[in-house]
Amino acid sequence: MIERADYAVIGGGPAGASAARRLAAAGASVLLFERRPMPRPKPCGGALSARGLAHLDFRLPDSLIDGEVFGVRAHVGERSVEARLDRRIAVLVTRARFDQFLVSKAEEAGARVLWQRVTAVETHPGEIVLATPEGRFTVTCAVACEGANARFGGAVAAPVDRLFCMAADVPVARPDAQAEQGGLLDIYHGAAEWGWGWVFHHGRYASVGLAGAASAVRRPRETLRQFARRCGLSLDGVSVRGHFIPCGGVRGTRCADRLLVAGDAAGLADPFTGEGMAQAIRSGQLAAEAVLGADARCGFSAASLAVYDRRCRQAFDRDLRGARLLVRAVRRWPSLLVRAGASDLDVLRRYLRIQTGESTYRAFLRWFVPRALGRWVRGKTKRLQHVPV
């Protein structure tokens, strides 16, 4: 037997749950496919930015918030500096519980959740057919939100770059003294030869992880153990998980006939930080709105769905290009740029405003690059003045 519905969403992460909720709220019959029952583990630091919170069309319960974040504690070598704003820049959430809650909100709106793995997607005139080990399902349009391991969305969107992330949740004694130190995220630049590290204090546990360019990964598990040890944490008996993060935008488009790609599968993660929850939530909503608009025009061709790709480019891609420029600059001049940022509170505070949605990478770079070059010129001039003639 073949089951029929209006729309299907593949993947129950933040993008998929947001798309399914928006579609179901409009009165459509929606099937949300997720291959593993929730709650399920997810290697992620769990920092949901203020931008991500603003995208939600409901209030996040206090019970899901592990802590509030007002700034960062940046570490470069033996030096560290703290920067904070007078407003919240993010909240800490446990991804297993957060993702489960988002799926429950999609169900609340009327979406039907199926804990089944989609094994095939076939596009036919007038419909799209999804196959799972349990059956076949026919819909008029589908949104692929499969995350990094994109099978179906990967045929449409090719991310510009990839990061590799490895993380673990380490139980800590209660109360966690670090978690009480003003709501700061600990970021360690150069924690590994291929990237940066973090320790986010969730109260009951600390999320410790490393992230960096996928092409430079060497012995990630052992490198994470060494990093955790330097931070006073032990990974003995703790599950360590890793995954790739498509980031930096895509080459080409994010839509095809009767199929759209959202979330990490659409290359929307920040290439500088690896953060992608805010973009995933918003892209899922934009995909749903494009589907509903195309339905109103009686068509689901790539041309009729192209409004989604245009809105993604306006909402994300311009700033992702700025983030890619910053990544390339840091890789080219790591000492100049990282040390300048880690030693200058004004630099860090301006960067934090990106996470609140008050600024963008492009605006940050326009301000930061002349400042960094000026610092470099002054340093060179000072050194030349001390050279013996």
Protein backbone atom coordinates (compact mmCIF):
# COMPACT_ATOMS: atom_id res chain seq x y z
CA MET A 1 0.00 0.00 0.00
CA ILE A 2 1.11 3.56 -0.69
CA GLU A 3 0.25 6.24 1.87
CA ARG A 4 -0.46 9.74 0.61
CA ALA A 5 0.08 13.16 2.15
CA ASP A 6 0.59 16.72 0.98
CA TYR A 7 4.24 17.12 1.96
CA ALA A 8 7.17 15.22 3.45
CA VAL A 9 10.13 16.43 5.48
CA ILE A 10 13.20 14.20 5.69
CA GLY A 11 15.11 14.68 8.94
CA GLY A 12 13.87 15.70 12.36
CA GLY A 13 16.59 18.14 13.41
CA PRO A 14 16.00 21.89 13.91
CA ALA A 15 15.53 22.51 10.16
CA GLY A 16 13.19 19.57 9.58
CA ALA A 17 11.09 20.16 12.68
CA SER A 18 10.77 23.86 11.83
CA ALA A 19 9.72 23.11 8.24
CA ALA A 20 7.19 20.49 9.33
CA ARG A 21 5.70 22.79 11.97
CA ARG A 22 5.29 25.68 9.51
CA LEU A 23 3.69 23.42 6.86
CA ALA A 24 1.33 21.70 9.32
CA ALA A 25 0.30 25.01 10.86
CA ALA A 26 -0.95 26.05 7.41
CA GLY A 27 -3.35 23.10 7.42
CA ALA A 28 -1.37 20.71 5.21
CA SER A 29 -0.94 17.00 5.88
CA VAL A 30 2.76 16.55 6.65
CA LEU A 31 4.94 13.48 7.19
CA LEU A 32 8.14 14.09 9.18
CA PHE A 33 10.66 11.25 8.78
CA GLU A 34 13.43 10.73 11.34
CA ARG A 35 15.50 7.57 11.25
CA ARG A 36 16.13 7.35 15.00
CA PRO A 37 13.63 7.81 17.86
CA MET A 38 14.24 10.82 20.06
CA PRO A 39 15.88 11.78 22.28
CA ARG A 40 19.05 10.84 20.41
CA PRO A 41 22.62 12.10 20.97
CA LYS A 42 24.07 14.87 18.85
CA PRO A 43 27.74 16.00 18.99
CA CYS A 44 27.26 19.73 19.48
CA GLY A 45 28.33 22.41 21.94
CA GLY A 46 24.67 23.37 22.32
CA ALA A 47 24.95 27.17 22.10
CA LEU A 48 21.77 28.52 20.52
CA SER A 49 22.40 32.14 19.55
CA ALA A 50 20.02 35.00 20.24
CA ARG A 51 19.32 35.02 16.49
CA GLY A 52 18.17 31.41 16.70
CA LEU A 53 15.91 32.15 19.64
CA ALA A 54 14.35 35.04 17.73
CA HIS A 55 13.47 32.72 14.84
CA LEU A 56 11.36 30.43 17.04
CA ASP A 57 7.64 31.18 16.90
CA PHE A 58 7.16 29.98 20.48
CA ARG A 59 8.83 30.52 23.82
CA LEU A 60 11.58 28.09 24.77
CA PRO A 61 10.74 26.61 28.20
CA ASP A 62 13.13 27.46 31.02
CA SER A 63 13.51 23.73 31.69
CA LEU A 64 15.35 23.37 28.37
CA ILE A 65 17.83 26.18 29.06
CA ASP A 66 20.98 24.89 30.77
CA GLY A 67 22.46 28.36 31.06
CA GLU A 68 22.51 31.87 29.63
CA VAL A 69 25.52 33.22 27.73
CA PHE A 70 26.60 36.85 27.84
CA GLY A 71 30.11 36.65 26.43
CA VAL A 72 33.24 34.64 25.73
CA ARG A 73 36.52 33.82 27.42
CA ALA A 74 39.03 33.61 24.57
CA HIS A 75 42.26 31.68 25.09
CA VAL A 76 45.33 32.03 22.85
CA GLY A 77 48.36 30.18 24.17
CA GLU A 78 48.82 31.21 27.78
CA ARG A 79 46.83 34.40 27.34
CA SER A 80 43.10 34.72 27.95
CA VAL A 81 40.68 37.62 27.80
CA GLU A 82 37.00 37.95 28.72
CA ALA A 83 34.44 39.99 26.83
CA ARG A 84 30.75 40.30 27.64
CA LEU A 85 27.74 42.28 26.58
CA ASP A 86 24.97 43.63 28.78
CA ARG A 87 22.48 41.37 26.99
CA ARG A 88 22.19 37.67 26.32
CA ILE A 89 23.99 36.46 23.19
CA ALA A 90 22.94 32.80 23.44
CA VAL A 91 21.51 30.08 25.64
CA LEU A 92 22.94 26.62 26.25
CA VAL A 93 20.70 23.70 25.39
CA THR A 94 21.19 19.94 25.43
CA ARG A 95 20.68 18.98 21.81
CA ALA A 96 18.97 15.66 22.53
CA ARG A 97 16.25 17.38 24.57
CA PHE A 98 16.09 20.49 22.36
CA ASP A 99 15.62 18.53 19.13
CA GLN A 100 12.99 16.34 20.77
CA PHE A 101 11.09 19.44 21.89
CA LEU A 102 11.15 20.93 18.38
CA VAL A 103 9.70 17.69 16.98
CA SER A 104 6.97 17.80 19.63
CA LYS A 105 6.09 21.34 18.49
CA ALA A 106 5.79 20.06 14.91
CA GLU A 107 3.48 17.29 16.15
CA GLU A 108 1.51 19.86 18.12
CA ALA A 109 0.90 21.76 14.86
CA GLY A 110 -0.40 18.60 13.19
CA ALA A 111 2.64 16.95 11.57
CA ARG A 112 2.81 13.16 11.72
CA VAL A 113 6.21 11.86 12.87
CA LEU A 114 7.44 8.56 11.45
CA TRP A 115 10.53 6.98 13.01
CA GLN A 116 11.64 5.54 9.71
CA ARG A 117 14.72 5.88 7.52
CA VAL A 118 14.04 7.11 4.01
CA THR A 119 15.95 4.84 1.62
CA ALA A 120 14.88 6.25 -1.75
CA VAL A 121 13.26 9.33 -3.25
CA GLU A 122 11.77 9.16 -6.73
CA THR A 123 10.39 12.16 -8.61
CA HIS A 124 7.49 11.46 -10.97
CA PRO A 125 5.13 13.73 -12.91
CA GLY A 126 2.81 15.28 -10.36
CA GLU A 127 4.30 13.57 -7.29
CA ILE A 128 7.36 12.45 -5.39
CA VAL A 129 7.60 8.95 -3.87
CA LEU A 130 9.58 8.16 -0.71
CA ALA A 131 10.48 4.62 0.25
CA THR A 132 11.34 3.31 3.72
CA PRO A 133 11.81 -0.26 4.98
CA GLU A 134 8.24 -0.02 6.32
CA GLY A 135 6.47 1.27 3.21
CA ARG A 136 6.09 3.80 0.39
CA PHE A 137 4.70 7.32 0.65
CA THR A 138 3.51 9.72 -2.05
CA VAL A 139 3.58 13.51 -1.62
CA THR A 140 3.53 16.54 -3.89
CA CYS A 141 6.78 18.06 -2.55
CA ALA A 142 9.54 17.20 -0.05
CA VAL A 143 12.05 19.15 2.06
CA ALA A 144 15.37 17.37 2.71
CA CYS A 145 16.88 18.28 6.08
CA GLU A 146 19.26 15.36 6.52
CA GLY A 147 22.16 17.23 8.09
CA ALA A 148 25.75 16.45 7.15
CA ASN A 149 25.00 12.97 5.80
CA ALA A 150 22.81 14.24 3.00
CA ARG A 151 21.81 11.52 0.53
CA PHE A 152 18.94 13.14 -1.29
CA GLY A 153 19.65 16.80 -0.67
CA GLY A 154 23.28 16.14 -1.61
CA ALA A 155 22.21 15.60 -5.21
CA VAL A 156 20.91 19.18 -5.25
CA ALA A 157 23.18 21.27 -3.01
CA ALA A 158 27.00 21.01 -2.93
CA PRO A 159 28.38 22.84 0.14
CA VAL A 160 31.35 25.14 -0.41
CA ASP A 161 33.33 23.76 2.54
CA ARG A 162 33.23 21.26 5.40
CA LEU A 163 34.35 21.36 9.00
CA PHE A 164 35.01 18.34 11.15
CA CYS A 165 33.69 18.40 14.71
CA MET A 166 34.42 15.99 17.57
CA ALA A 167 32.76 16.45 20.95
CA ALA A 168 31.93 14.78 24.24
CA ASP A 169 29.70 15.59 27.21
CA VAL A 170 31.70 15.19 30.42
CA PRO A 171 29.79 14.92 33.73
CA VAL A 172 30.98 17.47 36.30
CA ALA A 173 30.55 17.88 40.03
CA ARG A 174 27.64 19.97 41.23
CA PRO A 175 27.74 22.84 41.57
CA ASP A 176 29.96 23.48 38.57
CA ALA A 177 32.13 26.43 39.58
CA GLN A 178 32.91 27.29 35.96
CA ALA A 179 29.23 27.45 35.04
CA GLU A 180 28.71 30.12 37.70
CA GLN A 181 31.35 32.47 36.29
CA GLY A 182 29.10 34.93 34.54
CA GLY A 183 27.79 32.90 31.62
CA LEU A 184 30.90 32.82 29.42
CA LEU A 185 31.84 30.40 26.65
CA ASP A 186 35.46 29.20 26.76
CA ILE A 187 37.00 29.25 23.27
CA TYR A 188 40.56 27.98 22.69
CA HIS A 189 42.13 29.20 19.45
CA GLY A 190 44.78 26.87 18.09
CA ALA A 191 43.76 24.08 20.48
CA ALA A 192 44.71 21.65 17.70
CA GLU A 193 46.79 22.04 14.58
CA TRP A 194 43.62 21.84 12.55
CA GLY A 195 41.22 24.07 14.46
CA TRP A 196 39.88 25.47 17.71
CA GLY A 197 38.44 24.02 20.88
CA TRP A 198 35.64 24.82 23.27
CA VAL A 199 34.36 24.04 26.74
CA PHE A 200 30.72 25.01 27.32
CA HIS A 201 29.47 24.61 30.90
CA HIS A 202 25.93 23.25 30.96
CA GLY A 203 25.77 22.83 34.74
CA ARG A 204 25.31 19.05 34.91
CA TYR A 205 28.02 18.47 32.34
CA ALA A 206 30.62 20.26 30.24
CA SER A 207 30.55 20.00 26.47
CA VAL A 208 34.16 19.76 25.30
CA GLY A 209 35.04 19.65 21.64
CA LEU A 210 37.28 20.52 18.74
CA ALA A 211 36.39 21.76 15.28
CA GLY A 212 38.36 22.75 12.22
CA ALA A 213 38.99 22.26 8.52
CA ALA A 214 38.01 18.74 7.48
CA SER A 215 41.01 18.49 5.15
CA ALA A 216 43.45 18.97 8.04
CA VAL A 217 42.08 16.42 10.52
CA ARG A 218 44.76 14.21 12.05
CA ARG A 219 44.17 11.81 14.98
CA PRO A 220 41.08 13.74 16.17
CA ARG A 221 40.11 11.38 19.01
CA GLU A 222 43.52 11.48 20.66
CA THR A 223 43.80 15.23 20.07
CA LEU A 224 40.47 15.76 21.83
CA ARG A 225 41.61 13.66 24.79
CA GLN A 226 44.75 15.72 25.15
CA PHE A 227 42.81 18.97 24.88
CA ALA A 228 40.26 17.85 27.50
CA ARG A 229 43.11 16.83 29.81
CA ARG A 230 44.64 20.32 29.52
CA CYS A 231 41.25 21.75 30.52
CA GLY A 232 41.09 19.52 33.59
CA LEU A 233 38.54 17.11 32.12
CA SER A 234 38.82 13.37 31.57
CA LEU A 235 37.16 11.49 28.73
CA ASP A 236 37.56 8.11 30.41
CA GLY A 237 34.27 6.25 30.09
CA VAL A 238 32.73 9.11 28.09
CA SER A 239 31.24 8.64 24.62
CA VAL A 240 33.10 10.67 21.99
CA ARG A 241 31.33 11.44 18.70
CA GLY A 242 32.41 13.19 15.54
CA HIS A 243 30.72 14.42 12.39
CA PHE A 244 31.22 16.69 9.41
CA ILE A 245 29.53 20.09 9.10
CA PRO A 246 28.72 21.38 5.59
CA CYS A 247 29.26 25.14 5.74
CA GLY A 248 29.93 28.36 3.91
CA GLY A 249 27.07 28.25 1.41
CA VAL A 250 26.58 26.07 -1.67
CA ARG A 251 27.66 25.90 -5.27
CA GLY A 252 24.54 26.04 -7.38
CA THR A 253 21.03 26.02 -5.97
CA ARG A 254 19.09 24.56 -3.04
CA CYS A 255 16.00 23.44 -4.94
CA ALA A 256 15.01 21.06 -7.70
CA ASP A 257 11.68 19.86 -9.04
CA ARG A 258 9.52 19.03 -5.99
CA LEU A 259 12.54 19.02 -3.63
CA LEU A 260 14.16 21.66 -1.41
CA VAL A 261 17.23 21.37 0.82
CA ALA A 262 17.47 23.11 4.22
CA GLY A 263 19.67 23.20 7.32
CA ASP A 264 23.19 21.79 7.40
CA ALA A 265 22.52 19.89 4.17
CA ALA A 266 22.17 23.30 2.49
CA GLY A 267 25.64 24.41 3.64
CA LEU A 268 24.29 27.05 6.01
CA ALA A 269 26.57 26.50 9.02
CA ASP A 270 28.94 29.29 10.00
CA PRO A 271 32.43 28.39 8.62
CA PHE A 272 34.12 30.44 11.36
CA THR A 273 32.37 28.93 14.40
CA GLY A 274 30.59 25.85 13.04
CA GLU A 275 27.30 27.09 14.57
CA GLY A 276 24.26 26.24 12.48
CA MET A 277 21.14 25.96 14.63
CA ALA A 278 19.88 29.48 13.94
CA GLN A 279 20.32 29.07 10.19
CA ALA A 280 18.73 25.60 10.29
CA ILE A 281 15.60 26.85 12.05
CA ARG A 282 15.15 29.80 9.72
CA SER A 283 15.91 27.87 6.52
CA GLY A 284 13.34 25.24 7.46
CA GLN A 285 10.74 27.96 7.85
CA LEU A 286 11.74 29.59 4.55
CA ALA A 287 11.52 26.24 2.76
CA ALA A 288 8.01 25.67 4.11
CA GLU A 289 6.92 29.14 3.05
CA ALA A 290 8.28 28.55 -0.47
CA VAL A 291 6.41 25.23 -0.70
CA LEU A 292 3.16 26.82 0.43
CA GLY A 293 3.64 29.68 -2.03
CA ALA A 294 4.34 27.29 -4.89
CA ASP A 295 1.26 25.27 -3.96
CA ALA A 296 -0.82 28.42 -4.24
CA ARG A 297 0.52 28.87 -7.78
CA CYS A 298 -0.23 25.21 -8.59
CA GLY A 299 3.33 24.19 -9.32
CA PHE A 300 6.38 22.62 -7.71
CA SER A 301 8.95 22.97 -10.48
CA ALA A 302 12.46 24.15 -9.64
CA ALA A 303 11.54 27.51 -11.17
CA SER A 304 8.48 27.94 -8.95
CA LEU A 305 10.48 26.96 -5.84
CA ALA A 306 13.45 29.21 -6.73
CA VAL A 307 12.09 31.93 -4.43
CA TYR A 308 13.43 29.79 -1.58
CA ASP A 309 16.98 29.86 -2.95
CA ARG A 310 16.78 33.63 -3.46
CA ARG A 311 15.61 34.18 0.11
CA CYS A 312 18.39 31.95 1.44
CA ARG A 313 20.96 33.97 -0.46
CA GLN A 314 19.57 37.18 0.99
CA ALA A 315 19.27 35.81 4.53
CA PHE A 316 22.48 33.78 4.77
CA ASP A 317 24.86 33.67 1.81
CA ARG A 318 26.02 37.28 1.85
CA ASP A 319 27.12 36.95 5.44
CA LEU A 320 28.55 33.46 4.90
CA ARG A 321 30.89 34.98 2.32
CA GLY A 322 32.06 37.42 4.97
CA ALA A 323 32.64 34.54 7.39
CA ARG A 324 34.66 32.68 4.72
CA LEU A 325 36.82 35.77 4.22
CA LEU A 326 37.51 35.89 7.95
CA VAL A 327 38.40 32.17 7.97
CA ARG A 328 40.85 32.61 5.10
CA ALA A 329 42.42 35.64 6.76
CA VAL A 330 42.90 33.79 10.05
CA ARG A 331 44.47 30.83 8.24
CA ARG A 332 46.77 33.16 6.30
CA TRP A 333 47.80 35.40 9.21
CA PRO A 334 46.89 33.45 12.38
CA SER A 335 49.23 35.29 14.73
CA LEU A 336 48.23 38.76 13.52
CA LEU A 337 44.47 38.30 13.50
CA VAL A 338 43.83 35.83 16.32
CA ARG A 339 46.10 37.58 18.79
CA ALA A 340 44.72 40.98 17.83
CA GLY A 341 41.19 39.74 18.46
CA ALA A 342 42.00 37.88 21.66
CA SER A 343 43.81 40.85 23.19
CA ASP A 344 41.35 43.56 22.23
CA LEU A 345 38.05 43.69 24.13
CA ASP A 346 36.48 45.99 21.56
CA VAL A 347 37.17 43.43 18.82
CA LEU A 348 35.53 40.64 20.81
CA ARG A 349 32.53 42.76 21.76
CA ARG A 350 31.92 43.72 18.15
CA TYR A 351 32.18 40.09 17.12
CA LEU A 352 29.63 39.09 19.78
CA ARG A 353 27.14 41.47 18.20
CA ILE A 354 27.06 39.16 15.17
CA GLN A 355 25.61 36.43 17.38
CA THR A 356 22.89 38.74 18.70
CA GLY A 357 21.90 39.68 15.15
CA GLU A 358 22.89 43.34 15.64
CA SER A 359 25.77 43.11 13.17
CA THR A 360 27.11 40.98 10.32
CA TYR A 361 30.46 39.50 9.32
CA ARG A 362 30.68 41.98 6.48
CA ALA A 363 30.23 44.95 8.83
CA PHE A 364 32.68 43.41 11.30
CA LEU A 365 35.36 42.95 8.63
CA ARG A 366 34.95 46.53 7.37
CA TRP A 367 35.73 47.70 10.89
CA PHE A 368 38.29 45.07 11.89
CA VAL A 369 40.64 44.82 8.88
CA PRO A 370 41.90 48.45 8.97
CA ARG A 371 42.34 48.12 12.74
CA ALA A 372 44.36 44.90 12.43
CA LEU A 373 46.53 46.31 9.64
CA GLY A 374 47.16 49.44 11.68
CA ARG A 375 48.27 47.30 14.61
CA TRP A 376 50.61 45.36 12.32
CA VAL A 377 52.14 48.52 10.83
CA ARG A 378 52.71 50.03 14.28
CA GLY A 379 54.37 46.81 15.43
CA LYS A 380 56.68 46.74 12.40
CA THR A 381 57.55 50.42 12.86
CA LYS A 382 58.35 49.91 16.54
CA ARG A 383 60.63 46.97 15.75
CA LEU A 384 62.46 48.93 13.03
CA GLN A 385 63.09 51.79 15.44
CA HIS A 386 65.00 49.39 17.70
CA VAL A 387 67.18 47.91 14.95
CA PRO A 388 70.82 49.03 15.41
CA VAL A 389 72.12 51.15 12.53
